Every structure is written in C-alpha cells, then in structure tokens.
Amino acid sequence: MAGKSRRWDIVAIGLVAVVAIFLRTYRPGIWNANWDELNIMFWAQRIARYGDWIWVSNNWVGWGVGWNPITRHSAVSNYTVALPYLFTGNPLVIRAYVGLLGALSIILTTDAVRRPAGRWPALVAGMMFAVSIATNEATRRVINSNLALFWIGLWVWTA
C-alpha cells in the first residue's frame, strides 16, 4: 500500500510540474525587457563569455548625474543566469530558463507542503501556484525576485 501511495504522490507532483513548466516557458518573449532584466543579462553574459567576475552587486543605478553603484542585490542572480549563456546568447532561452527555475521552485514547494500537510493540500497548493496569473507573468522575467524563488524553494524543501 505504501508503494501505491508514493506513486500517487509522484503523479500529483508530476501533474503540477507539467502545468507549471508549460505555463512558464510558453512564449517567453511576451513581455518587453526592462532595465533590471537587461542589467542582469548583461552581467551574466560578461561572466559566462568573458570571465568578468563580480562580487558585491549586479546593479548600477543612475540618478540623473553620473552612475552610482548601489549594492542592494546579491551577485548570485548573475551567476544563476550565466549558466545558459555558456551555450547560447538568445534572451528568449534565458527567459525560458528562468521560467524553468520558477517551475522547479513550485515543484519543490509542492513537495515541501506534501510532507507535513499531505497529498491533497499539496496538490491544491501546487496547482494554485502553478496556474496563478500573477506568478506566470512574473516568472517570465529575468529579475532578482524571480531568481530568488528557486533558491528559496530549495531552502524550504531541504528544511
């Protein structure tokens, strides 16, 4: 009986995974790029292609006169995005990669909910998160908050 229960858990998480992956990778170029997104992609490409390592921040914000370095973001976002730049320079592939990371965070969160709450609450929570319009629109962009979802989901899953 335990094997049948475990198979059902895998099927439920697999269903959430298919829905989340499809909705987050379908038409990745539907939104225009903004400054934050281009900035992360720029530094990630410099890391992957030219070996320009950064240590403190990935964000240079201009305030009217000149450019001021603002260390309000970690460089982990740049290193996370640099991985697909080793293979391609297409920004749509980078957006699909971020969508896959968002889908993976949903899968990790669904499994984390399954452990204390059970199969059905995990399936409902995972599907609600997977089909949410706000999260689908947000995870198509390469910005720090979307990249943090994967690392937070991994942290919750390992807890």
C-alpha atoms as a PDB file:
ATOM      1  CA  MET A   1       0.000   0.000   0.000  1.00  0.00           C
ATOM      2  CA  ALA A   2       2.869   2.366   0.721  1.00  0.00           C
ATOM      3  CA  GLY A   3       4.216   1.922  -2.818  1.00  0.00           C
ATOM      4  CA  LYS A   4       0.842   2.857  -4.301  1.00  0.00           C
ATOM      5  CA  SER A   5       0.682   5.963  -2.114  1.00  0.00           C
ATOM      6  CA  ARG A   6       4.170   7.018  -3.162  1.00  0.00           C
ATOM      7  CA  ARG A   7       3.299   6.541  -6.846  1.00  0.00           C
ATOM      8  CA  TRP A   8       0.257   8.770  -6.394  1.00  0.00           C
ATOM      9  CA  ASP A   9       2.447  11.446  -4.821  1.00  0.00           C
ATOM     10  CA  ILE A  10       4.785  11.281  -7.810  1.00  0.00           C
ATOM     11  CA  VAL A  11       1.843  11.541 -10.233  1.00  0.00           C
ATOM     12  CA  ALA A  12       0.408  14.543  -8.362  1.00  0.00           C
ATOM     13  CA  ILE A  13       3.746  16.365  -8.294  1.00  0.00           C
ATOM     14  CA  GLY A  14       4.291  15.419 -11.942  1.00  0.00           C
ATOM     15  CA  LEU A  15       0.935  16.955 -12.876  1.00  0.00           C
ATOM     16  CA  VAL A  16       1.859  20.175 -11.094  1.00  0.00           C
ATOM     17  CA  ALA A  17       5.250  20.087 -12.831  1.00  0.00           C
ATOM     18  CA  VAL A  18       3.779  19.717 -16.326  1.00  0.00           C
ATOM     19  CA  VAL A  19       1.331  22.580 -15.822  1.00  0.00           C
ATOM     20  CA  ALA A  20       3.953  24.854 -14.237  1.00  0.00           C
ATOM     21  CA  ILE A  21       6.610  24.153 -16.880  1.00  0.00           C
ATOM     22  CA  PHE A  22       4.223  24.686 -19.772  1.00  0.00           C
ATOM     23  CA  LEU A  23       2.784  27.940 -18.457  1.00  0.00           C
ATOM     24  CA  ARG A  24       6.192  29.396 -17.605  1.00  0.00           C
ATOM     25  CA  THR A  25       8.026  28.514 -20.803  1.00  0.00           C
ATOM     26  CA  TYR A  26       5.292  29.102 -23.395  1.00  0.00           C
ATOM     27  CA  ARG A  27       6.031  32.309 -25.347  1.00  0.00           C
ATOM     28  CA  PRO A  28       8.847  33.683 -23.177  1.00  0.00           C
ATOM     29  CA  GLY A  29       9.088  36.893 -25.208  1.00  0.00           C
ATOM     30  CA  ILE A  30       5.575  38.094 -24.445  1.00  0.00           C
ATOM     31  CA  TRP A  31       6.820  40.972 -22.225  1.00  0.00           C
ATOM     32  CA  ASN A  32       9.201  43.775 -23.056  1.00  0.00           C
ATOM     33  CA  ALA A  33      12.541  43.782 -21.310  1.00  0.00           C
ATOM     34  CA  ASN A  34      13.181  46.388 -18.631  1.00  0.00           C
ATOM     35  CA  TRP A  35      16.351  47.895 -17.200  1.00  0.00           C
ATOM     36  CA  ASP A  36      16.706  45.456 -14.297  1.00  0.00           C
ATOM     37  CA  GLU A  37      16.333  42.468 -16.588  1.00  0.00           C
ATOM     38  CA  LEU A  38      18.831  43.750 -19.139  1.00  0.00           C
ATOM     39  CA  ASN A  39      21.296  44.618 -16.402  1.00  0.00           C
ATOM     40  CA  ILE A  40      21.266  41.073 -15.006  1.00  0.00           C
ATOM     41  CA  MET A  41      21.549  39.602 -18.501  1.00  0.00           C
ATOM     42  CA  PHE A  42      24.436  41.942 -19.335  1.00  0.00           C
ATOM     43  CA  TRP A  43      26.462  40.969 -16.273  1.00  0.00           C
ATOM     44  CA  ALA A  44      25.594  37.283 -16.659  1.00  0.00           C
ATOM     45  CA  GLN A  45      26.837  37.330 -20.222  1.00  0.00           C
ATOM     46  CA  ARG A  46      30.062  39.032 -19.174  1.00  0.00           C
ATOM     47  CA  ILE A  47      30.561  36.358 -16.510  1.00  0.00           C
ATOM     48  CA  ALA A  48      29.884  33.456 -18.887  1.00  0.00           C
ATOM     49  CA  ARG A  49      31.629  34.705 -22.001  1.00  0.00           C
ATOM     50  CA  TYR A  50      34.498  36.830 -20.733  1.00  0.00           C
ATOM     51  CA  GLY A  51      35.113  35.688 -17.151  1.00  0.00           C
ATOM     52  CA  ASP A  52      34.338  39.106 -15.628  1.00  0.00           C
ATOM     53  CA  TRP A  53      33.531  38.052 -12.080  1.00  0.00           C
ATOM     54  CA  ILE A  54      31.529  40.321  -9.806  1.00  0.00           C
ATOM     55  CA  TRP A  55      31.494  40.016  -6.052  1.00  0.00           C
ATOM     56  CA  VAL A  56      29.172  42.523  -4.453  1.00  0.00           C
ATOM     57  CA  SER A  57      26.325  43.745  -6.611  1.00  0.00           C
ATOM     58  CA  ASN A  58      24.833  43.439 -10.049  1.00  0.00           C
ATOM     59  CA  ASN A  59      23.003  46.724 -10.075  1.00  0.00           C
ATOM     60  CA  TRP A  60      24.256  50.111 -11.180  1.00  0.00           C
ATOM     61  CA  VAL A  61      21.544  52.682 -10.787  1.00  0.00           C
ATOM     62  CA  GLY A  62      21.846  56.113 -12.354  1.00  0.00           C
ATOM     63  CA  TRP A  63      20.345  59.098 -10.553  1.00  0.00           C
ATOM     64  CA  GLY A  64      20.386  61.966 -13.011  1.00  0.00           C
ATOM     65  CA  VAL A  65      24.059  62.898 -12.795  1.00  0.00           C
ATOM     66  CA  GLY A  66      26.515  60.068 -13.209  1.00  0.00           C
ATOM     67  CA  TRP A  67      26.223  56.447 -12.129  1.00  0.00           C
ATOM     68  CA  ASN A  68      26.139  55.337  -8.523  1.00  0.00           C
ATOM     69  CA  PRO A  69      26.883  51.755  -7.516  1.00  0.00           C
ATOM     70  CA  ILE A  70      24.093  50.534  -5.259  1.00  0.00           C
ATOM     71  CA  THR A  71      24.840  47.253  -3.513  1.00  0.00           C
ATOM     72  CA  ARG A  72      21.281  46.165  -2.898  1.00  0.00           C
ATOM     73  CA  HIS A  73      21.345  42.851  -4.757  1.00  0.00           C
ATOM     74  CA  SER A  74      23.463  39.768  -4.484  1.00  0.00           C
ATOM     75  CA  ALA A  75      25.577  38.592  -7.374  1.00  0.00           C
ATOM     76  CA  VAL A  76      24.000  35.115  -7.115  1.00  0.00           C
ATOM     77  CA  SER A  77      21.383  36.163  -9.658  1.00  0.00           C
ATOM     78  CA  ASN A  78      24.070  36.872 -12.215  1.00  0.00           C
ATOM     79  CA  TYR A  79      25.789  33.563 -11.652  1.00  0.00           C
ATOM     80  CA  THR A  80      22.457  31.735 -11.899  1.00  0.00           C
ATOM     81  CA  VAL A  81      21.686  33.375 -15.251  1.00  0.00           C
ATOM     82  CA  ALA A  82      25.253  32.917 -16.537  1.00  0.00           C
ATOM     83  CA  LEU A  83      24.797  29.156 -16.917  1.00  0.00           C
ATOM     84  CA  PRO A  84      22.668  29.244 -20.105  1.00  0.00           C
ATOM     85  CA  TYR A  85      24.895  31.966 -21.538  1.00  0.00           C
ATOM     86  CA  LEU A  86      27.607  29.339 -21.786  1.00  0.00           C
ATOM     87  CA  PHE A  87      25.524  27.716 -24.542  1.00  0.00           C
ATOM     88  CA  THR A  88      23.500  30.496 -26.162  1.00  0.00           C
ATOM     89  CA  GLY A  89      23.121  34.251 -26.263  1.00  0.00           C
ATOM     90  CA  ASN A  90      19.407  34.211 -27.089  1.00  0.00           C
ATOM     91  CA  PRO A  91      17.486  36.207 -24.455  1.00  0.00           C
ATOM     92  CA  LEU A  92      14.344  34.113 -25.027  1.00  0.00           C
ATOM     93  CA  VAL A  93      16.225  30.995 -23.977  1.00  0.00           C
ATOM     94  CA  ILE A  94      17.381  32.833 -20.868  1.00  0.00           C
ATOM     95  CA  ARG A  95      13.783  33.759 -20.059  1.00  0.00           C
ATOM     96  CA  ALA A  96      12.660  30.155 -20.605  1.00  0.00           C
ATOM     97  CA  TYR A  97      15.469  29.049 -18.287  1.00  0.00           C
ATOM     98  CA  VAL A  98      14.207  31.415 -15.581  1.00  0.00           C
ATOM     99  CA  GLY A  99      10.700  30.045 -16.193  1.00  0.00           C
ATOM    100  CA  LEU A 100      12.050  26.524 -15.655  1.00  0.00           C
ATOM    101  CA  LEU A 101      13.656  27.642 -12.410  1.00  0.00           C
ATOM    102  CA  GLY A 102      10.290  29.093 -11.344  1.00  0.00           C
ATOM    103  CA  ALA A 103       8.557  25.820 -12.214  1.00  0.00           C
ATOM    104  CA  LEU A 104      11.183  23.911 -10.257  1.00  0.00           C
ATOM    105  CA  SER A 105      10.528  26.150  -7.257  1.00  0.00           C
ATOM    106  CA  ILE A 106       6.828  25.245  -7.482  1.00  0.00           C
ATOM    107  CA  ILE A 107       7.695  21.551  -7.591  1.00  0.00           C
ATOM    108  CA  LEU A 108       9.965  21.896  -4.561  1.00  0.00           C
ATOM    109  CA  THR A 109       7.329  23.873  -2.669  1.00  0.00           C
ATOM    110  CA  THR A 110       4.616  21.336  -3.535  1.00  0.00           C
ATOM    111  CA  ASP A 111       6.755  18.510  -2.190  1.00  0.00           C
ATOM    112  CA  ALA A 112       7.590  20.548   0.907  1.00  0.00           C
ATOM    113  CA  VAL A 113       3.858  21.102   1.550  1.00  0.00           C
ATOM    114  CA  ARG A 114       3.148  17.398   0.987  1.00  0.00           C
ATOM    115  CA  ARG A 115       5.342  16.282   3.877  1.00  0.00           C
ATOM    116  CA  PRO A 116       3.511  17.982   6.766  1.00  0.00           C
ATOM    117  CA  ALA A 117       0.066  18.579   5.223  1.00  0.00           C
ATOM    118  CA  GLY A 118      -0.493  15.560   2.976  1.00  0.00           C
ATOM    119  CA  ARG A 119      -1.135  14.788  -0.658  1.00  0.00           C
ATOM    120  CA  TRP A 120      -4.325  16.750  -1.359  1.00  0.00           C
ATOM    121  CA  PRO A 121      -3.326  20.057   0.235  1.00  0.00           C
ATOM    122  CA  ALA A 122      -0.004  19.840  -1.619  1.00  0.00           C
ATOM    123  CA  LEU A 123      -1.758  19.178  -4.931  1.00  0.00           C
ATOM    124  CA  VAL A 124      -4.182  22.061  -4.428  1.00  0.00           C
ATOM    125  CA  ALA A 125      -1.465  24.482  -3.296  1.00  0.00           C
ATOM    126  CA  GLY A 126       0.851  23.453  -6.119  1.00  0.00           C
ATOM    127  CA  MET A 127      -1.840  23.796  -8.790  1.00  0.00           C
ATOM    128  CA  MET A 128      -2.969  27.170  -7.441  1.00  0.00           C
ATOM    129  CA  PHE A 129       0.611  28.397  -7.541  1.00  0.00           C
ATOM    130  CA  ALA A 130       1.195  26.845 -10.984  1.00  0.00           C
ATOM    131  CA  VAL A 131      -1.838  28.431 -12.683  1.00  0.00           C
ATOM    132  CA  SER A 132      -1.723  31.784 -10.904  1.00  0.00           C
ATOM    133  CA  ILE A 133      -1.739  34.563 -13.461  1.00  0.00           C
ATOM    134  CA  ALA A 134       0.450  36.816 -11.340  1.00  0.00           C
ATOM    135  CA  THR A 135       3.186  34.229 -10.873  1.00  0.00           C
ATOM    136  CA  ASN A 136       3.054  33.187 -14.526  1.00  0.00           C
ATOM    137  CA  GLU A 137       3.520  36.752 -15.679  1.00  0.00           C
ATOM    138  CA  ALA A 138       6.234  37.413 -13.132  1.00  0.00           C
ATOM    139  CA  THR A 139       8.334  34.317 -13.746  1.00  0.00           C
ATOM    140  CA  ARG A 140       8.803  35.163 -17.409  1.00  0.00           C
ATOM    141  CA  ARG A 141      11.189  37.969 -16.461  1.00  0.00           C
ATOM    142  CA  VAL A 142      14.849  37.759 -15.536  1.00  0.00           C
ATOM    143  CA  ILE A 143      14.826  39.798 -12.328  1.00  0.00           C
ATOM    144  CA  ASN A 144      16.214  39.161  -8.865  1.00  0.00           C
ATOM    145  CA  SER A 145      12.906  38.317  -7.213  1.00  0.00           C
ATOM    146  CA  ASN A 146      12.145  35.605  -9.785  1.00  0.00           C
ATOM    147  CA  LEU A 147      15.590  34.100  -9.490  1.00  0.00           C
ATOM    148  CA  ALA A 148      15.268  34.079  -5.714  1.00  0.00           C
ATOM    149  CA  LEU A 149      12.178  31.833  -5.951  1.00  0.00           C
ATOM    150  CA  PHE A 150      14.333  28.853  -6.902  1.00  0.00           C
ATOM    151  CA  TRP A 151      16.807  29.383  -4.065  1.00  0.00           C
ATOM    152  CA  ILE A 152      14.037  29.965  -1.510  1.00  0.00           C
ATOM    153  CA  GLY A 153      12.158  26.884  -2.747  1.00  0.00           C
ATOM    154  CA  LEU A 154      15.343  24.839  -2.438  1.00  0.00           C
ATOM    155  CA  TRP A 155      15.891  26.168   1.068  1.00  0.00           C
ATOM    156  CA  VAL A 156      12.307  25.325   2.123  1.00  0.00           C
ATOM    157  CA  TRP A 157      12.497  21.878   0.535  1.00  0.00           C
ATOM    158  CA  THR A 158      15.691  20.984   2.384  1.00  0.00           C
ATOM    159  CA  ALA A 159      14.383  22.202   5.748  1.00  0.00           C
END
